[in-house]
């Protein structure tokens, strides 16, 4: 049964060009977030903002949402589930 599930998952992942495995390997980051992280490291946050304020805001919001879910919502939910 598990090999059937794994094969179906890998088939789906191939259809979406490996987006699912990329998302899991990079801890919930999208390709946009990884690219913007590299640019932020290279240019610095201020220069990155000056190059494209709209993209910077999206980048910030994506990280804010992701980190809120990962570091606040999931631990609180887990603590309530345990207690």
C-alpha atoms as a PDB file:
ATOM      1  CA  UNK A   1       0.000   0.000   0.000  1.00  0.00           C
ATOM      2  CA  UNK A   2       2.751   2.492   0.887  1.00  0.00           C
ATOM      3  CA  UNK A   3       4.585   1.949  -2.411  1.00  0.00           C
ATOM      4  CA  UNK A   4       1.340   2.686  -4.275  1.00  0.00           C
ATOM      5  CA  UNK A   5       0.902   5.949  -2.316  1.00  0.00           C
ATOM      6  CA  UNK A   6       4.537   6.891  -2.888  1.00  0.00           C
ATOM      7  CA  UNK A   7       4.312   6.200  -6.620  1.00  0.00           C
ATOM      8  CA  UNK A   8       1.109   8.274  -6.907  1.00  0.00           C
ATOM      9  CA  UNK A   9       2.739  11.126  -4.963  1.00  0.00           C
ATOM     10  CA  UNK A  10       5.854  11.062  -7.163  1.00  0.00           C
ATOM     11  CA  UNK A  11       3.686  10.997 -10.306  1.00  0.00           C
ATOM     12  CA  UNK A  12       1.806  14.065  -9.060  1.00  0.00           C
ATOM     13  CA  UNK A  13       5.084  15.769  -8.137  1.00  0.00           C
ATOM     14  CA  UNK A  14       6.429  15.180 -11.644  1.00  0.00           C
ATOM     15  CA  UNK A  15       3.263  16.743 -13.105  1.00  0.00           C
ATOM     16  CA  UNK A  16       3.871  19.928 -11.111  1.00  0.00           C
ATOM     17  CA  UNK A  17       7.589  20.007 -12.033  1.00  0.00           C
ATOM     18  CA  UNK A  18       8.830  18.951  -8.596  1.00  0.00           C
ATOM     19  CA  UNK A  19       7.126  21.821  -6.771  1.00  0.00           C
ATOM     20  CA  UNK A  20       5.916  19.620  -3.903  1.00  0.00           C
ATOM     21  CA  UNK A  21       9.323  18.122  -3.105  1.00  0.00           C
ATOM     22  CA  UNK A  22      10.931  21.570  -3.481  1.00  0.00           C
ATOM     23  CA  UNK A  23       8.409  23.007  -1.004  1.00  0.00           C
ATOM     24  CA  UNK A  24       9.095  20.230   1.517  1.00  0.00           C
ATOM     25  CA  UNK A  25      12.885  20.324   1.092  1.00  0.00           C
ATOM     26  CA  UNK A  26      13.017  24.076   1.623  1.00  0.00           C
ATOM     27  CA  UNK A  27      10.799  24.070   4.733  1.00  0.00           C
ATOM     28  CA  UNK A  28       7.769  25.703   3.183  1.00  0.00           C
ATOM     29  CA  UNK A  29       9.552  28.217   0.974  1.00  0.00           C
ATOM     30  CA  UNK A  30       8.421  28.831  -2.572  1.00  0.00           C
ATOM     31  CA  UNK A  31      10.919  29.264  -5.423  1.00  0.00           C
ATOM     32  CA  UNK A  32      10.201  33.002  -5.277  1.00  0.00           C
ATOM     33  CA  UNK A  33      11.109  33.086  -1.586  1.00  0.00           C
ATOM     34  CA  UNK A  34      14.368  31.193  -2.144  1.00  0.00           C
ATOM     35  CA  UNK A  35      15.336  33.518  -5.006  1.00  0.00           C
ATOM     36  CA  UNK A  36      14.489  36.609  -2.968  1.00  0.00           C
ATOM     37  CA  UNK A  37      16.478  35.255   0.003  1.00  0.00           C
ATOM     38  CA  UNK A  38      19.538  34.919  -2.208  1.00  0.00           C
ATOM     39  CA  UNK A  39      19.020  38.436  -3.560  1.00  0.00           C
ATOM     40  CA  UNK A  40      18.570  39.771  -0.024  1.00  0.00           C
ATOM     41  CA  UNK A  41      21.859  38.184   1.003  1.00  0.00           C
ATOM     42  CA  UNK A  42      23.618  39.576  -2.069  1.00  0.00           C
ATOM     43  CA  UNK A  43      22.168  43.113  -2.223  1.00  0.00           C
ATOM     44  CA  UNK A  44      21.093  43.691   1.366  1.00  0.00           C
ATOM     45  CA  UNK A  45      17.533  44.437   2.418  1.00  0.00           C
ATOM     46  CA  UNK A  46      17.603  48.186   1.762  1.00  0.00           C
ATOM     47  CA  UNK A  47      18.963  47.851  -1.774  1.00  0.00           C
ATOM     48  CA  UNK A  48      16.555  45.001  -2.456  1.00  0.00           C
ATOM     49  CA  UNK A  49      13.657  47.219  -1.386  1.00  0.00           C
ATOM     50  CA  UNK A  50      14.897  50.043  -3.618  1.00  0.00           C
ATOM     51  CA  UNK A  51      15.186  47.685  -6.607  1.00  0.00           C
ATOM     52  CA  UNK A  52      11.591  46.464  -6.317  1.00  0.00           C
ATOM     53  CA  UNK A  53       9.364  47.547  -3.438  1.00  0.00           C
ATOM     54  CA  UNK A  54       6.402  45.433  -4.585  1.00  0.00           C
ATOM     55  CA  UNK A  55       8.444  42.211  -4.772  1.00  0.00           C
ATOM     56  CA  UNK A  56      10.040  43.018  -1.412  1.00  0.00           C
ATOM     57  CA  UNK A  57       6.628  43.432   0.234  1.00  0.00           C
ATOM     58  CA  UNK A  58       5.440  40.088  -1.214  1.00  0.00           C
ATOM     59  CA  UNK A  59       8.640  38.467   0.039  1.00  0.00           C
ATOM     60  CA  UNK A  60       8.148  39.921   3.517  1.00  0.00           C
ATOM     61  CA  UNK A  61       4.471  38.907   3.676  1.00  0.00           C
ATOM     62  CA  UNK A  62       5.225  35.359   2.501  1.00  0.00           C
ATOM     63  CA  UNK A  63       7.867  34.968   5.205  1.00  0.00           C
ATOM     64  CA  UNK A  64       5.612  36.541   7.819  1.00  0.00           C
ATOM     65  CA  UNK A  65       2.767  34.148   7.018  1.00  0.00           C
ATOM     66  CA  UNK A  66       5.067  31.111   6.799  1.00  0.00           C
ATOM     67  CA  UNK A  67       6.873  31.883  10.045  1.00  0.00           C
ATOM     68  CA  UNK A  68       3.623  32.648  11.861  1.00  0.00           C
ATOM     69  CA  UNK A  69       2.268  29.258  10.862  1.00  0.00           C
ATOM     70  CA  UNK A  70       5.500  27.361  11.582  1.00  0.00           C
ATOM     71  CA  UNK A  71       6.547  28.989  14.826  1.00  0.00           C
ATOM     72  CA  UNK A  72       3.302  30.173  16.429  1.00  0.00           C
ATOM     73  CA  UNK A  73       0.172  28.400  15.167  1.00  0.00           C
ATOM     74  CA  UNK A  74       1.574  24.853  14.896  1.00  0.00           C
ATOM     75  CA  UNK A  75       3.250  24.863  18.360  1.00  0.00           C
ATOM     76  CA  UNK A  76       0.117  26.279  20.005  1.00  0.00           C
ATOM     77  CA  UNK A  77      -2.038  23.692  18.264  1.00  0.00           C
ATOM     78  CA  UNK A  78       0.362  20.928  19.245  1.00  0.00           C
ATOM     79  CA  UNK A  79       0.397  22.109  22.876  1.00  0.00           C
ATOM     80  CA  UNK A  80      -3.399  22.146  22.989  1.00  0.00           C
ATOM     81  CA  UNK A  81      -3.525  18.694  21.405  1.00  0.00           C
ATOM     82  CA  UNK A  82      -1.074  17.285  23.976  1.00  0.00           C
ATOM     83  CA  UNK A  83      -2.705  18.924  27.006  1.00  0.00           C
END
